[in-house]
């Protein structure tokens, strides 16, 4: 078995309510080329995330794509990640809403493919310290954050991509450090170029994880100079197959079977570069991790602030409508879960 493991994949989401024409263009230029190219190389594995809105549109307009996902899942060639159905930013919605959206997508995946996800994606990397307990309560044991968001100063190079262990209220979860092609690189490079560069720079690495936002695939194709996105991914997956004796692609779920418990790390609130770049107030910290940057953006814009206030007003109103009896049962049910 190869000592050098590789996790590759894409994450895909679309705002709820946009036109079907945009969905169709993204499907033809991004989602379909990647999956159809991967299907031709059964020995190559990938990790994929699709939001609920994406899967619902695909099911209604391209059911053949769903059949392909089901077949590849059955062969354990791909892993589908869970997450919030409508792809919201975790750090601005209530804990109950987080659990509700996660369970909504998990139920959809279970009904469509007969399997619950064991890992989850974090939209826009909107991390906060309470997420480990939310994820564990939802049945997830691992997630992903960009390498640049994590403190790697005291780590040996061969440990860079090893999963980190973090917790909240004694609920443990592993975090896979990944390279986000669109966010972490000045120019979009191919999966194979990044893999080669990482293992060349750090020969002792045992794992490298690389993820790409699906909507960035057209840019990757344009920079490649190839005839189509289909040709681009056939070239990429053919390279992995040619070099299968040097690099073994795997899924996060398969890799987790060999992960042992390690030392704990604690992460502050984080967000993607796309979120941070929209903050008008300068951030003193050099890291992208700071005190809830997502809420800072919302509060700076009067329209988003009004929507944010309305969302919390509706949440408070729903709690009132549930009545006193329901509210009294909440702590009692929580106590029952931790009592023997």
Protein backbone atom coordinates (compact mmCIF):
# COMPACT_ATOMS: atom_id res chain seq x y z
CA UNK A 1 0.00 0.00 0.00
CA UNK A 2 1.27 3.47 -0.86
CA UNK A 3 2.57 5.66 1.95
CA UNK A 4 1.43 8.87 0.24
CA UNK A 5 -2.33 9.44 0.48
CA UNK A 6 -4.26 12.08 -1.44
CA UNK A 7 -7.76 13.43 -0.78
CA UNK A 8 -9.26 15.44 -3.63
CA UNK A 9 -12.76 16.76 -4.19
CA UNK A 10 -15.13 19.62 -4.90
CA UNK A 11 -17.76 21.50 -2.91
CA UNK A 12 -20.83 22.77 -4.72
CA UNK A 13 -23.63 25.11 -3.70
CA UNK A 14 -26.02 27.61 -5.29
CA UNK A 15 -28.22 30.27 -3.68
CA UNK A 16 -31.83 29.25 -3.29
CA UNK A 17 -34.14 30.93 -5.79
CA UNK A 18 -31.76 31.79 -8.65
CA UNK A 19 -32.77 31.04 -12.23
CA UNK A 20 -32.66 27.54 -13.67
CA UNK A 21 -30.55 28.89 -16.53
CA UNK A 22 -27.65 29.57 -14.11
CA UNK A 23 -28.08 26.12 -12.58
CA UNK A 24 -27.93 24.54 -16.04
CA UNK A 25 -24.81 26.44 -17.06
CA UNK A 26 -23.04 25.46 -13.83
CA UNK A 27 -24.12 21.86 -14.26
CA UNK A 28 -22.76 21.61 -17.81
CA UNK A 29 -19.53 23.49 -17.12
CA UNK A 30 -18.70 22.24 -13.61
CA UNK A 31 -20.66 19.45 -11.94
CA UNK A 32 -21.11 17.08 -14.88
CA UNK A 33 -17.53 17.24 -16.29
CA UNK A 34 -15.93 16.42 -12.95
CA UNK A 35 -18.19 13.49 -12.09
CA UNK A 36 -18.32 12.00 -15.60
CA UNK A 37 -14.53 12.24 -15.85
CA UNK A 38 -14.10 10.59 -12.46
CA UNK A 39 -16.54 7.81 -13.43
CA UNK A 40 -14.17 6.70 -16.22
CA UNK A 41 -11.42 6.00 -13.66
CA UNK A 42 -12.94 3.68 -11.00
CA UNK A 43 -9.67 3.45 -9.05
CA UNK A 44 -9.63 7.21 -8.35
CA UNK A 45 -11.54 8.37 -5.26
CA UNK A 46 -13.00 11.77 -4.40
CA UNK A 47 -14.88 13.62 -1.65
CA UNK A 48 -17.90 15.65 -2.80
CA UNK A 49 -20.27 18.11 -1.19
CA UNK A 50 -23.54 19.26 -2.79
CA UNK A 51 -25.95 21.53 -0.95
CA UNK A 52 -29.60 20.55 -0.74
CA UNK A 53 -30.65 23.15 -3.31
CA UNK A 54 -28.13 21.75 -5.80
CA UNK A 55 -29.22 18.14 -5.28
CA UNK A 56 -32.89 19.04 -5.50
CA UNK A 57 -32.39 20.86 -8.82
CA UNK A 58 -30.28 18.01 -10.21
CA UNK A 59 -32.88 15.43 -9.20
CA UNK A 60 -35.59 17.38 -11.03
CA UNK A 61 -33.59 18.22 -14.16
CA UNK A 62 -30.83 15.61 -14.51
CA UNK A 63 -31.85 12.38 -12.75
CA UNK A 64 -29.08 10.53 -14.61
CA UNK A 65 -26.56 12.44 -12.45
CA UNK A 66 -28.22 11.09 -9.30
CA UNK A 67 -27.99 7.54 -10.68
CA UNK A 68 -24.29 8.09 -11.32
CA UNK A 69 -23.77 9.31 -7.75
CA UNK A 70 -25.64 6.28 -6.39
CA UNK A 71 -23.54 3.85 -8.43
CA UNK A 72 -20.24 5.46 -7.46
CA UNK A 73 -21.28 5.55 -3.80
CA UNK A 74 -22.11 1.87 -3.96
CA UNK A 75 -18.60 1.17 -5.27
CA UNK A 76 -17.12 3.42 -2.55
CA UNK A 77 -15.42 5.49 -5.22
CA UNK A 78 -16.83 8.73 -3.83
CA UNK A 79 -17.89 10.07 -0.46
CA UNK A 80 -20.78 12.51 -0.08
CA UNK A 81 -20.47 15.00 2.76
CA UNK A 82 -23.33 16.31 4.82
CA UNK A 83 -23.97 19.88 5.86
CA UNK A 84 -26.74 22.50 6.05
CA UNK A 85 -29.42 22.07 3.38
CA UNK A 86 -29.52 25.68 2.17
CA UNK A 87 -25.79 26.30 2.72
CA UNK A 88 -26.13 29.11 5.32
CA UNK A 89 -23.28 30.60 7.32
CA UNK A 90 -23.22 28.65 10.57
CA UNK A 91 -22.04 31.57 12.66
CA UNK A 92 -25.17 33.65 12.06
CA UNK A 93 -27.94 31.11 12.62
CA UNK A 94 -29.30 29.70 15.88
CA UNK A 95 -28.11 26.29 17.18
CA UNK A 96 -31.56 24.80 16.62
CA UNK A 97 -31.57 26.02 13.02
CA UNK A 98 -28.12 24.52 12.48
CA UNK A 99 -29.31 21.12 13.62
CA UNK A 100 -32.50 21.41 11.58
CA UNK A 101 -30.73 22.24 8.34
CA UNK A 102 -28.11 19.54 8.86
CA UNK A 103 -30.77 16.90 9.53
CA UNK A 104 -32.73 18.08 6.49
CA UNK A 105 -29.79 17.38 4.14
CA UNK A 106 -28.85 14.19 5.99
CA UNK A 107 -32.39 12.86 5.57
CA UNK A 108 -32.32 13.75 1.86
CA UNK A 109 -29.03 11.88 1.37
CA UNK A 110 -30.26 8.88 3.33
CA UNK A 111 -33.50 8.64 1.35
CA UNK A 112 -31.78 9.21 -2.01
CA UNK A 113 -28.70 7.02 -1.53
CA UNK A 114 -29.45 4.85 1.51
CA UNK A 115 -26.52 6.14 3.55
CA UNK A 116 -25.95 8.79 6.20
CA UNK A 117 -22.83 10.97 5.79
CA UNK A 118 -20.13 10.68 8.43
CA UNK A 119 -18.36 13.94 7.55
CA UNK A 120 -19.57 17.48 6.92
CA UNK A 121 -18.68 20.56 4.91
CA UNK A 122 -18.61 24.05 6.46
CA UNK A 123 -20.03 26.70 4.06
CA UNK A 124 -17.53 29.52 3.54
CA UNK A 125 -15.48 27.99 6.37
CA UNK A 126 -17.70 29.91 8.82
CA UNK A 127 -16.32 28.15 11.87
CA UNK A 128 -17.03 28.94 15.48
CA UNK A 129 -16.07 27.11 18.66
CA UNK A 130 -19.54 25.62 19.28
CA UNK A 131 -19.62 23.59 16.05
CA UNK A 132 -17.97 20.37 17.35
CA UNK A 133 -20.92 19.65 19.64
CA UNK A 134 -23.38 20.47 16.84
CA UNK A 135 -21.57 18.12 14.46
CA UNK A 136 -21.31 15.27 16.92
CA UNK A 137 -24.98 15.57 17.81
CA UNK A 138 -25.69 15.30 14.08
CA UNK A 139 -23.58 12.15 13.69
CA UNK A 140 -20.50 13.73 12.09
CA UNK A 141 -16.98 12.92 13.22
CA UNK A 142 -14.88 15.13 10.90
CA UNK A 143 -14.90 18.25 8.78
CA UNK A 144 -12.52 20.42 6.74
CA UNK A 145 -10.80 23.81 7.06
CA UNK A 146 -8.09 25.45 4.93
CA UNK A 147 -4.52 24.87 6.00
CA UNK A 148 -3.89 28.62 6.28
CA UNK A 149 -6.61 28.98 8.94
CA UNK A 150 -4.96 26.52 11.31
CA UNK A 151 -1.97 27.10 13.58
CA UNK A 152 0.83 25.01 12.08
CA UNK A 153 3.84 26.86 13.52
CA UNK A 154 4.95 24.07 15.86
CA UNK A 155 4.32 21.15 13.53
CA UNK A 156 6.81 19.13 11.56
CA UNK A 157 6.25 19.35 7.76
CA UNK A 158 5.07 15.73 7.57
CA UNK A 159 2.27 16.56 10.04
CA UNK A 160 0.79 19.49 8.08
CA UNK A 161 -2.21 17.69 6.63
CA UNK A 162 -2.86 15.22 9.43
CA UNK A 163 -6.37 15.69 10.94
CA UNK A 164 -6.51 17.89 14.04
CA UNK A 165 -8.71 17.06 17.02
CA UNK A 166 -10.91 19.75 18.56
CA UNK A 167 -13.86 19.73 20.97
CA UNK A 168 -16.76 21.55 22.50
CA UNK A 169 -18.50 20.32 25.68
CA UNK A 170 -16.43 17.12 25.44
CA UNK A 171 -17.76 16.43 21.94
CA UNK A 172 -14.71 15.59 19.80
CA UNK A 173 -14.33 16.10 16.06
CA UNK A 174 -11.41 15.86 13.64
CA UNK A 175 -10.54 18.67 11.23
CA UNK A 176 -8.80 17.88 7.94
CA UNK A 177 -6.47 20.72 6.83
CA UNK A 178 -6.93 21.25 3.09
CA UNK A 179 -5.61 23.42 0.29
CA UNK A 180 -8.48 25.31 -1.32
CA UNK A 181 -7.35 25.80 -4.92
CA UNK A 182 -9.39 28.94 -5.52
CA UNK A 183 -8.72 30.63 -2.17
CA UNK A 184 -5.19 29.63 -1.24
CA UNK A 185 -3.38 30.04 -4.56
CA UNK A 186 -2.72 33.22 -6.51
CA UNK A 187 -3.60 31.44 -9.76
CA UNK A 188 -5.77 28.36 -10.09
CA UNK A 189 -3.62 25.29 -10.65
CA UNK A 190 -4.59 21.73 -11.47
CA UNK A 191 -4.97 19.04 -8.83
CA UNK A 192 -1.95 17.13 -10.12
CA UNK A 193 0.34 20.18 -10.11
CA UNK A 194 -0.54 20.96 -6.48
CA UNK A 195 0.00 17.35 -5.41
CA UNK A 196 3.38 17.21 -7.10
CA UNK A 197 4.50 20.51 -5.61
CA UNK A 198 3.46 19.56 -2.08
CA UNK A 199 5.20 16.19 -2.07
CA UNK A 200 8.28 17.69 -3.75
CA UNK A 201 8.48 20.45 -1.12
CA UNK A 202 7.80 18.08 1.79
CA UNK A 203 9.01 14.55 0.88
CA UNK A 204 7.97 13.16 4.27
CA UNK A 205 4.30 14.07 3.86
CA UNK A 206 1.93 11.15 4.26
CA UNK A 207 -1.27 12.97 3.29
CA UNK A 208 -2.25 15.95 1.12
CA UNK A 209 -5.86 17.17 0.84
CA UNK A 210 -6.98 19.49 -1.97
CA UNK A 211 -10.50 20.86 -2.51
CA UNK A 212 -11.99 23.09 -5.22
CA UNK A 213 -15.19 25.09 -5.35
CA UNK A 214 -17.19 23.68 -8.25
CA UNK A 215 -18.05 27.08 -9.70
CA UNK A 216 -14.31 27.77 -10.16
CA UNK A 217 -13.93 24.89 -12.62
CA UNK A 218 -14.56 27.10 -15.71
CA UNK A 219 -11.61 29.29 -14.66
CA UNK A 220 -9.43 26.22 -14.20
CA UNK A 221 -10.42 25.02 -17.67
CA UNK A 222 -9.73 28.41 -19.31
CA UNK A 223 -6.26 28.53 -17.80
CA UNK A 224 -5.51 24.99 -18.92
CA UNK A 225 -5.95 25.80 -22.62
CA UNK A 226 -7.64 22.43 -23.21
CA UNK A 227 -10.61 21.85 -25.49
CA UNK A 228 -13.24 21.40 -22.76
CA UNK A 229 -13.69 20.77 -19.01
CA UNK A 230 -14.27 17.10 -19.85
CA UNK A 231 -10.80 16.88 -21.40
CA UNK A 232 -9.33 18.71 -18.41
CA UNK A 233 -10.56 16.16 -15.89
CA UNK A 234 -9.83 13.16 -18.08
CA UNK A 235 -6.25 14.44 -18.17
CA UNK A 236 -6.20 14.97 -14.39
CA UNK A 237 -7.61 11.56 -13.49
CA UNK A 238 -5.41 9.84 -16.08
CA UNK A 239 -2.39 11.39 -14.33
CA UNK A 240 -3.53 9.98 -10.98
CA UNK A 241 -4.03 6.56 -12.54
CA UNK A 242 -0.57 6.70 -14.16
CA UNK A 243 1.03 7.61 -10.84
CA UNK A 244 -1.05 5.25 -8.71
CA UNK A 245 2.09 3.53 -7.40
CA UNK A 246 3.30 6.84 -5.96
CA UNK A 247 0.04 8.45 -4.81
CA UNK A 248 -3.12 6.73 -3.60
CA UNK A 249 -6.36 8.70 -3.71
CA UNK A 250 -8.70 8.00 -0.81
CA UNK A 251 -11.80 9.38 0.88
CA UNK A 252 -11.84 11.11 4.24
CA UNK A 253 -14.08 8.37 5.60
CA UNK A 254 -11.58 5.67 4.62
CA UNK A 255 -8.64 7.65 5.97
CA UNK A 256 -10.37 8.19 9.33
CA UNK A 257 -10.25 4.43 9.98
CA UNK A 258 -6.51 4.70 10.60
CA UNK A 259 -6.57 8.00 12.54
CA UNK A 260 -5.70 7.79 16.21
CA UNK A 261 -6.62 10.34 18.87
CA UNK A 262 -4.16 13.20 19.16
CA UNK A 263 -3.63 16.38 21.12
CA UNK A 264 -6.45 18.90 21.22
CA UNK A 265 -6.41 22.23 19.41
CA UNK A 266 -8.87 25.07 19.88
CA UNK A 267 -9.87 27.27 16.96
CA UNK A 268 -11.26 30.79 17.04
CA UNK A 269 -13.97 32.00 14.67
CA UNK A 270 -12.94 31.83 11.03
CA UNK A 271 -14.27 32.56 7.56
CA UNK A 272 -13.26 32.21 3.94
CA UNK A 273 -11.15 34.80 2.14
CA UNK A 274 -14.26 35.77 0.16
CA UNK A 275 -15.94 36.76 3.42
CA UNK A 276 -12.93 38.49 4.94
CA UNK A 277 -12.25 40.53 1.82
CA UNK A 278 -15.68 42.14 2.20
CA UNK A 279 -14.92 43.53 5.66
CA UNK A 280 -14.36 47.26 5.35
CA UNK A 281 -12.85 47.64 8.83
CA UNK A 282 -9.18 46.51 8.77
CA UNK A 283 -8.38 43.37 10.72
CA UNK A 284 -5.35 43.72 12.94
CA UNK A 285 -4.65 40.03 13.14
CA UNK A 286 -2.58 38.51 10.36
CA UNK A 287 -4.69 35.35 10.44
CA UNK A 288 -8.13 34.93 8.92
CA UNK A 289 -9.32 33.77 12.34
CA UNK A 290 -10.84 36.46 14.54
CA UNK A 291 -13.99 37.26 16.45
CA UNK A 292 -16.96 36.31 14.25
CA UNK A 293 -16.02 38.10 11.00
CA UNK A 294 -19.28 37.05 9.34
CA UNK A 295 -21.40 39.04 11.77
CA UNK A 296 -19.12 42.04 11.30
CA UNK A 297 -19.97 42.07 7.60
CA UNK A 298 -23.69 41.73 8.29
CA UNK A 299 -23.73 44.59 10.78
CA UNK A 300 -21.91 46.91 8.38
CA UNK A 301 -24.63 46.69 5.73
CA UNK A 302 -28.04 48.16 6.70
CA UNK A 303 -29.97 45.74 4.47
CA UNK A 304 -28.28 42.57 5.72
CA UNK A 305 -28.52 43.86 9.31
CA UNK A 306 -32.27 44.33 8.89
CA UNK A 307 -32.60 40.79 7.56
CA UNK A 308 -30.44 39.48 10.42
CA UNK A 309 -32.62 41.25 13.01
CA UNK A 310 -35.78 39.91 11.37
CA UNK A 311 -34.42 36.36 11.42
CA UNK A 312 -33.79 36.52 15.16
CA UNK A 313 -37.17 38.14 15.75
CA UNK A 314 -38.88 35.24 13.95
CA UNK A 315 -36.84 32.76 15.97
CA UNK A 316 -37.94 34.41 19.23
CA UNK A 317 -41.55 34.48 18.00
CA UNK A 318 -41.48 30.76 17.20
CA UNK A 319 -40.20 30.03 20.70
CA UNK A 320 -43.15 31.92 22.15
CA UNK A 321 -45.60 30.01 19.96
CA UNK A 322 -44.21 26.69 21.16
CA UNK A 323 -45.39 27.53 24.66
CA UNK A 324 -44.03 27.16 28.16
CA UNK A 325 -44.41 23.37 28.26
CA UNK A 326 -42.09 22.84 25.28
CA UNK A 327 -39.46 25.21 26.70
CA UNK A 328 -39.52 23.43 30.04
CA UNK A 329 -38.98 20.06 28.35
CA UNK A 330 -35.86 21.24 26.48
CA UNK A 331 -33.44 21.08 29.45
CA UNK A 332 -35.13 17.93 30.69
CA UNK A 333 -34.56 16.15 27.36
CA UNK A 334 -30.98 17.37 27.28
CA UNK A 335 -30.40 16.00 30.77
CA UNK A 336 -31.86 12.66 29.75
CA UNK A 337 -29.25 12.34 26.98
CA UNK A 338 -26.34 12.63 29.38
CA UNK A 339 -27.75 10.61 32.27
CA UNK A 340 -27.11 6.82 32.31
